[in-house]
C-alpha atoms as a PDB file:
ATOM      1  CA  MET A   1       9.407 -24.993   6.299  1.00  0.00           C
ATOM      2  CA  GLU A   2       7.444 -21.834   5.212  1.00  0.00           C
ATOM      3  CA  GLU A   3       3.877 -21.441   6.215  1.00  0.00           C
ATOM      4  CA  PHE A   4       0.937 -19.578   5.002  1.00  0.00           C
ATOM      5  CA  ILE A   5      -1.701 -18.453   7.273  1.00  0.00           C
ATOM      6  CA  CYS A   6      -5.455 -18.263   6.224  1.00  0.00           C
ATOM      7  CA  PRO A   7      -6.748 -14.853   6.351  1.00  0.00           C
ATOM      8  CA  ASP A   8      -9.650 -14.290   8.827  1.00  0.00           C
ATOM      9  CA  GLY A   9     -13.173 -15.124   7.159  1.00  0.00           C
ATOM     10  CA  LEU A  10     -12.233 -18.269   5.103  1.00  0.00           C
ATOM     11  CA  GLY A  11     -13.219 -20.409   7.953  1.00  0.00           C
ATOM     12  CA  ASN A  12     -12.488 -24.325   8.070  1.00  0.00           C
ATOM     13  CA  HIS A  13     -13.241 -24.302   4.272  1.00  0.00           C
ATOM     14  CA  PHE A  14     -10.194 -23.404   2.698  1.00  0.00           C
ATOM     15  CA  PRO A  15      -7.820 -25.635   4.552  1.00  0.00           C
ATOM     16  CA  PHE A  16     -10.566 -28.122   4.005  1.00  0.00           C
ATOM     17  CA  LEU A  17     -10.422 -28.149   0.013  1.00  0.00           C
ATOM     18  CA  ILE A  18      -6.439 -28.171   0.430  1.00  0.00           C
ATOM     19  CA  GLN A  19      -6.630 -31.049   2.785  1.00  0.00           C
ATOM     20  CA  LYS A  20      -8.972 -33.004   0.269  1.00  0.00           C
ATOM     21  CA  ASN A  21      -6.854 -32.154  -2.487  1.00  0.00           C
ATOM     22  CA  LEU A  22      -3.551 -32.740  -1.140  1.00  0.00           C
ATOM     23  CA  GLU A  23      -2.185 -35.296  -3.067  1.00  0.00           C
ATOM     24  CA  ALA A  24      -2.525 -33.480  -6.515  1.00  0.00           C
ATOM     25  CA  ILE A  25      -1.551 -30.389  -4.944  1.00  0.00           C
ATOM     26  CA  GLU A  26       1.814 -32.036  -3.873  1.00  0.00           C
ATOM     27  CA  LYS A  27       2.467 -33.790  -6.916  1.00  0.00           C
ATOM     28  CA  ALA A  28       1.568 -30.087  -9.207  1.00  0.00           C
ATOM     29  CA  PHE A  29       4.506 -28.630  -7.131  1.00  0.00           C
ATOM     30  CA  GLY A  30       6.640 -31.367  -5.840  1.00  0.00           C
ATOM     31  CA  LEU A  31       6.457 -30.249  -2.384  1.00  0.00           C
ATOM     32  CA  GLU A  32       5.822 -31.638   1.200  1.00  0.00           C
ATOM     33  CA  ILE A  33       2.819 -29.940   2.278  1.00  0.00           C
ATOM     34  CA  ALA A  34       0.749 -30.174   6.046  1.00  0.00           C
ATOM     35  CA  LEU A  35      -2.166 -28.360   7.634  1.00  0.00           C
ATOM     36  CA  ARG A  36      -2.254 -27.133  11.139  1.00  0.00           C
ATOM     37  CA  GLY A  37      -5.577 -25.210  11.667  1.00  0.00           C
ATOM     38  CA  ASP A  38      -5.163 -22.226   9.596  1.00  0.00           C
ATOM     39  CA  LYS A  39      -1.700 -22.759   8.710  1.00  0.00           C
ATOM     40  CA  VAL A  40      -0.660 -24.519   5.824  1.00  0.00           C
ATOM     41  CA  MET A  41       3.149 -25.517   6.088  1.00  0.00           C
ATOM     42  CA  TYR A  42       5.248 -26.446   2.898  1.00  0.00           C
ATOM     43  CA  SER A  43       8.828 -27.389   2.200  1.00  0.00           C
ATOM     44  CA  GLY A  44      10.841 -27.873  -0.850  1.00  0.00           C
ATOM     45  CA  ASN A  45      12.154 -26.382  -3.780  1.00  0.00           C
ATOM     46  CA  GLY A  46      12.532 -22.530  -3.568  1.00  0.00           C
ATOM     47  CA  VAL A  47      11.201 -21.649  -6.738  1.00  0.00           C
ATOM     48  CA  GLN A  48       8.235 -24.289  -6.345  1.00  0.00           C
ATOM     49  CA  ALA A  49       7.479 -23.120  -2.947  1.00  0.00           C
ATOM     50  CA  ARG A  50       7.043 -19.320  -4.287  1.00  0.00           C
ATOM     51  CA  LYS A  51       4.574 -20.816  -6.896  1.00  0.00           C
ATOM     52  CA  PHE A  52       2.561 -22.373  -4.280  1.00  0.00           C
ATOM     53  CA  LYS A  53       2.282 -19.402  -2.160  1.00  0.00           C
ATOM     54  CA  LYS A  54       1.417 -17.899  -5.436  1.00  0.00           C
ATOM     55  CA  TYR A  55      -1.437 -20.203  -5.877  1.00  0.00           C
ATOM     56  CA  LEU A  56      -2.534 -20.219  -2.465  1.00  0.00           C
ATOM     57  CA  GLN A  57      -2.932 -16.486  -2.693  1.00  0.00           C
ATOM     58  CA  HIS A  58      -5.010 -16.790  -5.915  1.00  0.00           C
ATOM     59  CA  LEU A  59      -7.333 -18.972  -4.121  1.00  0.00           C
ATOM     60  CA  VAL A  60      -7.785 -16.597  -1.283  1.00  0.00           C
ATOM     61  CA  LEU A  61      -8.597 -14.001  -4.000  1.00  0.00           C
ATOM     62  CA  LEU A  62     -11.014 -16.174  -5.874  1.00  0.00           C
ATOM     63  CA  HIS A  63     -12.636 -16.905  -2.458  1.00  0.00           C
ATOM     64  CA  GLU A  64     -12.885 -12.963  -2.094  1.00  0.00           C
ATOM     65  CA  GLU A  65     -14.041 -12.398  -5.397  1.00  0.00           C
ATOM     66  CA  ASN A  66     -16.875 -15.205  -5.303  1.00  0.00           C
ATOM     67  CA  GLY A  67     -17.939 -15.271  -1.608  1.00  0.00           C
ATOM     68  CA  LYS A  68     -16.772 -18.922  -1.604  1.00  0.00           C
ATOM     69  CA  LEU A  69     -14.163 -21.272  -2.561  1.00  0.00           C
ATOM     70  CA  GLN A  70     -15.349 -24.458  -4.788  1.00  0.00           C
ATOM     71  CA  ASP A  71     -13.920 -27.889  -5.640  1.00  0.00           C
ATOM     72  CA  HIS A  72     -13.398 -26.843  -9.175  1.00  0.00           C
ATOM     73  CA  ASP A  73     -11.345 -24.068  -8.386  1.00  0.00           C
ATOM     74  CA  ILE A  74      -8.816 -25.819  -6.769  1.00  0.00           C
ATOM     75  CA  GLN A  75      -8.221 -27.937 -10.011  1.00  0.00           C
ATOM     76  CA  PHE A  76      -8.772 -25.009 -12.243  1.00  0.00           C
ATOM     77  CA  SER A  77      -6.036 -22.866 -10.613  1.00  0.00           C
ATOM     78  CA  LEU A  78      -3.680 -25.742 -10.651  1.00  0.00           C
ATOM     79  CA  ASN A  79      -3.966 -25.986 -14.533  1.00  0.00           C
ATOM     80  CA  LEU A  80      -3.366 -21.897 -14.767  1.00  0.00           C
ATOM     81  CA  VAL A  81      -0.420 -22.510 -12.563  1.00  0.00           C
ATOM     82  CA  ALA A  82       1.041 -25.355 -15.364  1.00  0.00           C
ATOM     83  CA  GLU A  83      -0.058 -23.370 -18.248  1.00  0.00           C
ATOM     84  CA  GLY A  84       1.832 -20.230 -17.061  1.00  0.00           C
ATOM     85  CA  LYS A  85      -1.315 -18.235 -16.927  1.00  0.00           C
ATOM     86  CA  LEU A  86      -1.823 -17.722 -13.353  1.00  0.00           C
ATOM     87  CA  GLU A  87      -0.789 -14.204 -12.951  1.00  0.00           C
ATOM     88  CA  GLN A  88      -2.491 -12.905 -16.184  1.00  0.00           C
ATOM     89  CA  VAL A  89      -5.635 -14.184 -14.460  1.00  0.00           C
ATOM     90  CA  GLN A  90      -4.711 -12.329 -11.400  1.00  0.00           C
ATOM     91  CA  GLU A  91      -4.134  -9.204 -13.170  1.00  0.00           C
ATOM     92  CA  ASP A  92      -8.039  -9.328 -14.796  1.00  0.00           C
ATOM     93  CA  ILE A  93      -9.101  -9.926 -11.243  1.00  0.00           C
ATOM     94  CA  PHE A  94      -6.952  -6.873  -9.892  1.00  0.00           C
ATOM     95  CA  LYS A  95      -8.715  -4.754 -12.907  1.00  0.00           C
ATOM     96  CA  LYS A  96     -11.709  -5.115 -11.473  1.00  0.00           C
ATOM     97  CA  HIS A  97     -10.664  -2.664  -8.604  1.00  0.00           C
ATOM     98  CA  ILE A  98     -10.070  -0.028 -11.289  1.00  0.00           C
ATOM     99  CA  ILE A  99      -9.617   3.786  -9.743  1.00  0.00           C
ATOM    100  CA  LYS A 100     -10.721   6.107 -12.239  1.00  0.00           C
ATOM    101  CA  VAL A 101      -9.215   9.383 -12.830  1.00  0.00           C
ATOM    102  CA  ASP A 102     -10.355  12.069 -14.996  1.00  0.00           C
ATOM    103  CA  GLY A 103     -10.171   9.858 -17.946  1.00  0.00           C
ATOM    104  CA  LYS A 104      -7.171   7.374 -16.608  1.00  0.00           C
ATOM    105  CA  GLU A 105      -7.338   4.061 -15.162  1.00  0.00           C
ATOM    106  CA  VAL A 106      -5.196   2.644 -12.459  1.00  0.00           C
ATOM    107  CA  TYR A 107      -5.697  -0.604 -10.704  1.00  0.00           C
ATOM    108  CA  PRO A 108      -3.275  -2.158  -7.848  1.00  0.00           C
ATOM    109  CA  LYS A 109      -1.229  -4.782  -9.291  1.00  0.00           C
ATOM    110  CA  THR A 110      -0.375  -6.964  -6.384  1.00  0.00           C
ATOM    111  CA  PHE A 111      -2.061  -8.717  -3.489  1.00  0.00           C
ATOM    112  CA  ASN A 112      -1.233  -6.031  -0.802  1.00  0.00           C
ATOM    113  CA  GLN A 113      -1.760  -3.133  -3.185  1.00  0.00           C
ATOM    114  CA  ARG A 114      -5.262  -4.335  -3.881  1.00  0.00           C
ATOM    115  CA  SER A 115      -5.711  -4.793   0.175  1.00  0.00           C
ATOM    116  CA  TYR A 116      -4.209  -1.294   0.445  1.00  0.00           C
ATOM    117  CA  VAL A 117      -6.842   0.352  -1.988  1.00  0.00           C
ATOM    118  CA  GLU A 118      -9.550  -1.775  -0.225  1.00  0.00           C
ATOM    119  CA  ALA A 119      -8.672  -0.378   2.911  1.00  0.00           C
ATOM    120  CA  ILE A 120      -8.545   3.048   1.869  1.00  0.00           C
ATOM    121  CA  GLN A 121     -12.167   2.856   0.104  1.00  0.00           C
ATOM    122  CA  ASN A 122     -13.550   1.365   3.287  1.00  0.00           C
ATOM    123  CA  ARG A 123     -11.792   2.855   5.990  1.00  0.00           C
ATOM    124  CA  ASP A 124     -11.376   6.646   7.678  1.00  0.00           C
ATOM    125  CA  MET A 125      -7.878   5.966   8.162  1.00  0.00           C
ATOM    126  CA  VAL A 126      -5.286   3.986   6.773  1.00  0.00           C
ATOM    127  CA  PHE A 127      -1.629   3.650   7.204  1.00  0.00           C
ATOM    128  CA  GLY A 128       0.336   2.247   4.205  1.00  0.00           C
ATOM    129  CA  ILE A 129       4.031   0.850   5.228  1.00  0.00           C
ATOM    130  CA  GLY A 130       6.627  -0.209   2.531  1.00  0.00           C
ATOM    131  CA  PRO A 131       9.658   0.490   0.785  1.00  0.00           C
ATOM    132  CA  ALA A 132      10.134   2.606  -2.187  1.00  0.00           C
ATOM    133  CA  GLY A 133       8.174   1.722  -5.512  1.00  0.00           C
ATOM    134  CA  THR A 134       5.343  -0.100  -3.969  1.00  0.00           C
ATOM    135  CA  GLY A 135       2.612   2.469  -4.893  1.00  0.00           C
ATOM    136  CA  LYS A 136       2.155   3.891  -1.488  1.00  0.00           C
ATOM    137  CA  THR A 137       1.922   7.612  -2.400  1.00  0.00           C
ATOM    138  CA  PHE A 138       0.876   7.129  -6.021  1.00  0.00           C
ATOM    139  CA  LEU A 139      -2.206   4.960  -5.725  1.00  0.00           C
ATOM    140  CA  ALA A 140      -3.138   7.043  -2.307  1.00  0.00           C
ATOM    141  CA  ILE A 141      -3.148  10.355  -4.507  1.00  0.00           C
ATOM    142  CA  ALA A 142      -5.261   8.353  -7.463  1.00  0.00           C
ATOM    143  CA  MET A 143      -7.797   7.486  -4.709  1.00  0.00           C
ATOM    144  CA  ALA A 144      -7.879  10.768  -3.468  1.00  0.00           C
ATOM    145  CA  LEU A 145      -8.614  12.336  -6.916  1.00  0.00           C
ATOM    146  CA  ASN A 146     -11.061   9.482  -7.554  1.00  0.00           C
ATOM    147  CA  PHE A 147     -12.807  10.771  -4.594  1.00  0.00           C
ATOM    148  CA  LEU A 148     -12.692  14.460  -5.209  1.00  0.00           C
ATOM    149  CA  PHE A 149     -14.064  13.665  -8.711  1.00  0.00           C
ATOM    150  CA  ASN A 150     -16.520  11.815  -7.201  1.00  0.00           C
ATOM    151  CA  LYS A 151     -17.970  14.653  -5.027  1.00  0.00           C
ATOM    152  CA  ARG A 152     -17.207  12.406  -1.998  1.00  0.00           C
ATOM    153  CA  VAL A 153     -14.795  15.127  -0.656  1.00  0.00           C
ATOM    154  CA  GLU A 154     -14.496  18.652  -1.232  1.00  0.00           C
ATOM    155  CA  ARG A 155     -10.670  18.904  -1.584  1.00  0.00           C
ATOM    156  CA  ILE A 156      -7.235  17.293  -1.221  1.00  0.00           C
ATOM    157  CA  VAL A 157      -4.534  18.044   1.245  1.00  0.00           C
ATOM    158  CA  LEU A 158      -1.325  16.701   0.847  1.00  0.00           C
ATOM    159  CA  THR A 159       1.469  17.194   3.136  1.00  0.00           C
ATOM    160  CA  ARG A 160       5.162  15.919   3.924  1.00  0.00           C
ATOM    161  CA  PRO A 161       7.568  16.698   6.685  1.00  0.00           C
ATOM    162  CA  VAL A 162      10.536  18.454   5.836  1.00  0.00           C
ATOM    163  CA  VAL A 163      13.278  16.753   7.173  1.00  0.00           C
ATOM    164  CA  GLU A 164      16.732  17.355   5.455  1.00  0.00           C
ATOM    165  CA  ALA A 165      18.387  14.251   4.238  1.00  0.00           C
ATOM    166  CA  GLY A 166      21.905  15.095   3.350  1.00  0.00           C
ATOM    167  CA  GLU A 167      21.610  19.452   2.600  1.00  0.00           C
ATOM    168  CA  LYS A 168      20.637  21.825   5.009  1.00  0.00           C
ATOM    169  CA  LEU A 169      17.468  24.028   4.288  1.00  0.00           C
ATOM    170  CA  GLY A 170      19.518  27.091   4.932  1.00  0.00           C
ATOM    171  CA  PHE A 171      21.927  26.265   2.428  1.00  0.00           C
ATOM    172  CA  LEU A 172      19.556  26.089  -0.210  1.00  0.00           C
ATOM    173  CA  PRO A 173      19.155  28.716  -3.063  1.00  0.00           C
ATOM    174  CA  GLY A 174      15.844  30.697  -2.616  1.00  0.00           C
ATOM    175  CA  ASP A 175      13.336  31.700  -0.410  1.00  0.00           C
ATOM    176  CA  ILE A 176      11.423  29.544   2.185  1.00  0.00           C
ATOM    177  CA  GLN A 177       8.844  28.210  -0.230  1.00  0.00           C
ATOM    178  CA  GLN A 178      11.683  27.695  -2.885  1.00  0.00           C
ATOM    179  CA  LYS A 179      13.468  25.960  -0.216  1.00  0.00           C
ATOM    180  CA  ILE A 180      10.271  23.710   0.656  1.00  0.00           C
ATOM    181  CA  ASN A 181       9.371  22.863  -2.992  1.00  0.00           C
ATOM    182  CA  PRO A 182      11.600  20.357  -3.705  1.00  0.00           C
ATOM    183  CA  TYR A 183      10.786  18.186  -0.560  1.00  0.00           C
ATOM    184  CA  LEU A 184       7.061  18.318  -1.844  1.00  0.00           C
ATOM    185  CA  ARG A 185       7.953  17.346  -5.624  1.00  0.00           C
ATOM    186  CA  PRO A 186       6.907  13.862  -5.607  1.00  0.00           C
ATOM    187  CA  LEU A 187       3.620  14.501  -4.738  1.00  0.00           C
ATOM    188  CA  TYR A 188       3.226  17.186  -7.614  1.00  0.00           C
ATOM    189  CA  ASP A 189       4.986  14.457 -10.004  1.00  0.00           C
ATOM    190  CA  ALA A 190       2.077  12.188  -9.129  1.00  0.00           C
ATOM    191  CA  LEU A 191      -0.508  14.951  -9.758  1.00  0.00           C
ATOM    192  CA  TYR A 192       1.171  15.946 -12.916  1.00  0.00           C
ATOM    193  CA  PHE A 193       1.107  12.219 -14.353  1.00  0.00           C
ATOM    194  CA  LEU A 194      -2.511  11.658 -13.334  1.00  0.00           C
ATOM    195  CA  ILE A 195      -4.362  14.812 -14.409  1.00  0.00           C
ATOM    196  CA  GLY A 196      -1.775  16.727 -16.114  1.00  0.00           C
ATOM    197  CA  PHE A 197       0.161  20.303 -15.146  1.00  0.00           C
ATOM    198  CA  GLU A 198      -2.405  22.889 -15.976  1.00  0.00           C
ATOM    199  CA  ARG A 199      -5.241  20.795 -14.099  1.00  0.00           C
ATOM    200  CA  THR A 200      -3.202  20.353 -11.467  1.00  0.00           C
ATOM    201  CA  SER A 201      -1.889  24.033 -11.244  1.00  0.00           C
ATOM    202  CA  GLU A 202      -5.861  24.990 -11.779  1.00  0.00           C
ATOM    203  CA  LEU A 203      -6.725  22.973  -8.797  1.00  0.00           C
ATOM    204  CA  ILE A 204      -4.074  24.210  -6.559  1.00  0.00           C
ATOM    205  CA  GLU A 205      -4.931  27.918  -7.593  1.00  0.00           C
ATOM    206  CA  LYS A 206      -8.695  27.191  -6.573  1.00  0.00           C
ATOM    207  CA  GLY A 207      -7.726  25.807  -3.229  1.00  0.00           C
ATOM    208  CA  ILE A 208      -9.138  22.753  -3.894  1.00  0.00           C
ATOM    209  CA  ILE A 209      -5.589  20.746  -3.861  1.00  0.00           C
ATOM    210  CA  GLU A 210      -3.510  21.846  -1.236  1.00  0.00           C
ATOM    211  CA  ILE A 211       0.152  20.679  -0.953  1.00  0.00           C
ATOM    212  CA  ALA A 212       2.083  21.992   2.348  1.00  0.00           C
ATOM    213  CA  PRO A 213       5.214  21.159   4.644  1.00  0.00           C
ATOM    214  CA  LEU A 214       3.604  19.197   7.864  1.00  0.00           C
ATOM    215  CA  ALA A 215       4.185  22.062  10.068  1.00  0.00           C
ATOM    216  CA  TYR A 216       1.520  24.036   8.689  1.00  0.00           C
ATOM    217  CA  MET A 217      -1.265  21.506   9.862  1.00  0.00           C
ATOM    218  CA  ARG A 218      -0.731  22.703  13.275  1.00  0.00           C
ATOM    219  CA  GLY A 219      -3.669  24.337  14.906  1.00  0.00           C
ATOM    220  CA  ARG A 220      -5.986  23.165  12.201  1.00  0.00           C
ATOM    221  CA  THR A 221      -9.237  20.909  11.742  1.00  0.00           C
ATOM    222  CA  ILE A 222      -9.698  19.770   8.125  1.00  0.00           C
ATOM    223  CA  SER A 223     -13.205  18.633   7.433  1.00  0.00           C
ATOM    224  CA  ASP A 224     -14.656  17.311   4.165  1.00  0.00           C
ATOM    225  CA  ALA A 225     -11.209  16.397   2.752  1.00  0.00           C
ATOM    226  CA  PHE A 226      -8.892  13.666   1.447  1.00  0.00           C
ATOM    227  CA  ILE A 227      -5.627  14.062   3.857  1.00  0.00           C
ATOM    228  CA  ILE A 228      -2.111  12.356   2.663  1.00  0.00           C
ATOM    229  CA  LEU A 229       0.706  12.304   4.651  1.00  0.00           C
ATOM    230  CA  ASP A 230       3.483  11.124   2.547  1.00  0.00           C
ATOM    231  CA  GLU A 231       6.847   9.933   4.157  1.00  0.00           C
ATOM    232  CA  GLY A 232       5.034   9.530   7.687  1.00  0.00           C
ATOM    233  CA  GLN A 233       8.622   7.826   8.727  1.00  0.00           C
ATOM    234  CA  ASN A 234       9.842  11.487   9.230  1.00  0.00           C
ATOM    235  CA  THR A 235       7.562  12.378  11.991  1.00  0.00           C
ATOM    236  CA  VAL A 236       8.281  12.288  15.647  1.00  0.00           C
ATOM    237  CA  ASP A 237       5.765  11.072  18.059  1.00  0.00           C
ATOM    238  CA  SER A 238       4.190  14.806  18.763  1.00  0.00           C
ATOM    239  CA  GLN A 239       4.569  15.479  14.724  1.00  0.00           C
ATOM    240  CA  MET A 240       2.477  12.070  14.129  1.00  0.00           C
ATOM    241  CA  LYS A 241      -0.245  12.604  17.263  1.00  0.00           C
ATOM    242  CA  MET A 242      -0.648  16.434  15.940  1.00  0.00           C
ATOM    243  CA  PHE A 243      -1.680  15.456  12.438  1.00  0.00           C
ATOM    244  CA  LEU A 244      -3.805  12.619  13.197  1.00  0.00           C
ATOM    245  CA  THR A 245      -5.633  14.819  15.215  1.00  0.00           C
ATOM    246  CA  ARG A 246      -6.296  17.386  12.503  1.00  0.00           C
ATOM    247  CA  PHE A 247      -9.230  15.831  10.497  1.00  0.00           C
ATOM    248  CA  GLY A 248     -12.731  16.375  10.968  1.00  0.00           C
ATOM    249  CA  LEU A 249     -16.153  15.343   9.949  1.00  0.00           C
ATOM    250  CA  ASN A 250     -16.125  13.330   6.254  1.00  0.00           C
ATOM    251  CA  SER A 251     -12.538  13.104   5.738  1.00  0.00           C
ATOM    252  CA  ARG A 252     -10.303  10.203   4.647  1.00  0.00           C
ATOM    253  CA  VAL A 253      -6.449  10.080   6.090  1.00  0.00           C
ATOM    254  CA  VAL A 254      -3.675   8.120   4.541  1.00  0.00           C
ATOM    255  CA  VAL A 255      -0.605   7.909   6.018  1.00  0.00           C
ATOM    256  CA  THR A 256       2.487   6.393   4.039  1.00  0.00           C
ATOM    257  CA  ALA A 257       5.662   5.514   5.345  1.00  0.00           C
ATOM    258  CA  ASP A 258       8.855   3.498   4.192  1.00  0.00           C
ATOM    259  CA  ILE A 259      10.868   2.454   7.648  1.00  0.00           C
ATOM    260  CA  THR A 260      13.690   1.713   5.690  1.00  0.00           C
ATOM    261  CA  GLN A 261      14.360   5.537   4.984  1.00  0.00           C
ATOM    262  CA  ILE A 262      14.248   7.313   8.037  1.00  0.00           C
ATOM    263  CA  ASP A 263      15.932  10.636   7.757  1.00  0.00           C
ATOM    264  CA  LEU A 264      15.794  11.527  11.630  1.00  0.00           C
ATOM    265  CA  GLU A 265      18.834  11.981  13.227  1.00  0.00           C
ATOM    266  CA  GLN A 266      17.359   9.064  15.495  1.00  0.00           C
ATOM    267  CA  PRO A 267      15.245   6.909  13.513  1.00  0.00           C
ATOM    268  CA  LYS A 268      13.847   4.911  16.446  1.00  0.00           C
ATOM    269  CA  LYS A 269      12.106   7.777  17.561  1.00  0.00           C
ATOM    270  CA  SER A 270      10.248   7.788  14.411  1.00  0.00           C
ATOM    271  CA  GLY A 271       6.587   8.483  15.084  1.00  0.00           C
ATOM    272  CA  ILE A 272       5.177   5.931  12.635  1.00  0.00           C
ATOM    273  CA  PHE A 273       6.173   3.091  15.082  1.00  0.00           C
ATOM    274  CA  LYS A 274       4.293   3.840  18.025  1.00  0.00           C
ATOM    275  CA  ALA A 275       1.094   5.173  15.480  1.00  0.00           C
ATOM    276  CA  ILE A 276       1.045   1.601  14.136  1.00  0.00           C
ATOM    277  CA  LYS A 277       1.416  -0.345  16.889  1.00  0.00           C
ATOM    278  CA  ILE A 278      -1.314   1.760  19.468  1.00  0.00           C
ATOM    279  CA  LEU A 279      -3.685   2.291  16.455  1.00  0.00           C
ATOM    280  CA  LYS A 280      -3.561  -0.893  14.091  1.00  0.00           C
ATOM    281  CA  ASP A 281      -6.508  -2.565  16.254  1.00  0.00           C
ATOM    282  CA  VAL A 282      -8.868   0.595  16.399  1.00  0.00           C
ATOM    283  CA  PRO A 283     -11.963   0.105  14.504  1.00  0.00           C
ATOM    284  CA  GLY A 284     -12.021   2.489  11.485  1.00  0.00           C
ATOM    285  CA  ILE A 285      -7.994   2.211  11.097  1.00  0.00           C
ATOM    286  CA  GLY A 286      -6.293   0.015   8.732  1.00  0.00           C
ATOM    287  CA  VAL A 287      -2.509  -0.730   8.876  1.00  0.00           C
ATOM    288  CA  VAL A 288      -1.338  -2.307   5.428  1.00  0.00           C
ATOM    289  CA  HIS A 289       2.300  -3.776   5.079  1.00  0.00           C
ATOM    290  CA  LEU A 290       3.805  -3.857   1.319  1.00  0.00           C
ATOM    291  CA  THR A 291       6.975  -5.571   0.906  1.00  0.00           C
ATOM    292  CA  MET A 292       9.475  -5.488  -1.917  1.00  0.00           C
ATOM    293  CA  LYS A 293       7.489  -8.056  -3.682  1.00  0.00           C
ATOM    294  CA  ASP A 294       5.177  -5.211  -4.189  1.00  0.00           C
ATOM    295  CA  ILE A 295       7.527  -2.917  -6.253  1.00  0.00           C
ATOM    296  CA  VAL A 296       5.966  -1.792  -9.389  1.00  0.00           C
ATOM    297  CA  ARG A 297       8.821   0.258 -11.013  1.00  0.00           C
ATOM    298  CA  HIS A 298      12.059  -0.744 -12.382  1.00  0.00           C
ATOM    299  CA  PRO A 299      12.720  -4.213 -11.399  1.00  0.00           C
ATOM    300  CA  LEU A 300      15.956  -2.978 -10.681  1.00  0.00           C
ATOM    301  CA  ILE A 301      14.785  -1.109  -7.443  1.00  0.00           C
ATOM    302  CA  GLN A 302      13.648  -4.338  -6.028  1.00  0.00           C
ATOM    303  CA  ARG A 303      17.288  -5.836  -6.495  1.00  0.00           C
ATOM    304  CA  ILE A 304      18.900  -2.414  -5.049  1.00  0.00           C
ATOM    305  CA  ILE A 305      16.613  -2.432  -1.758  1.00  0.00           C
ATOM    306  CA  GLU A 306      17.696  -6.429  -1.312  1.00  0.00           C
ATOM    307  CA  ALA A 307      21.334  -5.502  -1.775  1.00  0.00           C
ATOM    308  CA  TYR A 308      21.105  -2.984   0.762  1.00  0.00           C
ATOM    309  CA  GLU A 309      19.379  -5.102   3.019  1.00  0.00           C
ATOM    310  CA  ARG A 310      21.660  -7.519   2.957  1.00  0.00           C
ATOM    311  CA  VAL A 311      24.706  -5.511   3.817  1.00  0.00           C
ATOM    312  CA  GLU A 312      22.985  -3.969   6.472  1.00  0.00           C
ATOM    313  CA  LYS A 313      22.061  -7.552   7.969  1.00  0.00           C
END
């Protein structure tokens, strides 16, 4: 038996409409469905169960877009499922949340990505937690550039903890800057894709975009900036607290983290766990969890992560 918990804000109307149309919905999906308060319980064929969950997510999406859910939305959405058009309609709705960046248009492609983008738009601090390929860093940088070009902030600060994953810094060739650059390369890659090499270099040279190791954040107060801490799972508590207290007036903060890839010698001491535990209910702070279903890189990545998880379990 699986369950779908109705999001806050939908009130009793959502489960009421499901109950009212329960016979038609059960027939469409071939599932046994029951309602218990704000939970929709369902069981049956796994493929049909996944389709039903997407159907429920679509109804929530319609409610959020239109401010309400009506009787005809139930049947119309069932028709979309039968015709195999539900995902295309969802994508069209996601495209309403386009992030415009210097002529490019980026938009969330999953429900959790949409929640992530909305959280960044509406909250001063957001934690994006999820595995590789879910767009945590890319969407955050797209939002940062959007804020910058729309003059909502004056600069962007991108930072990462420098934690070795297999090779020691001392063994790598070059001076300290050359040793550090590979750790920051994913941030450069996202910028190059969105605004190109020349524009990125120009903004970095002018100090409008700063990319630096986390250690360089100590002792600073950063105002009027969009600040991103990438790979936040590789911080310890003291580093995370130091970073979270660096931002000043009119600054927006995003912390991305993949708790399945912690490179610290003692992974359980990662500062991300304490941070999201004690801050998740603080007003102005959002915590958004992305999952394997939100992976938008090559589909093989999702299968690789699933294979590793099966072995680790």
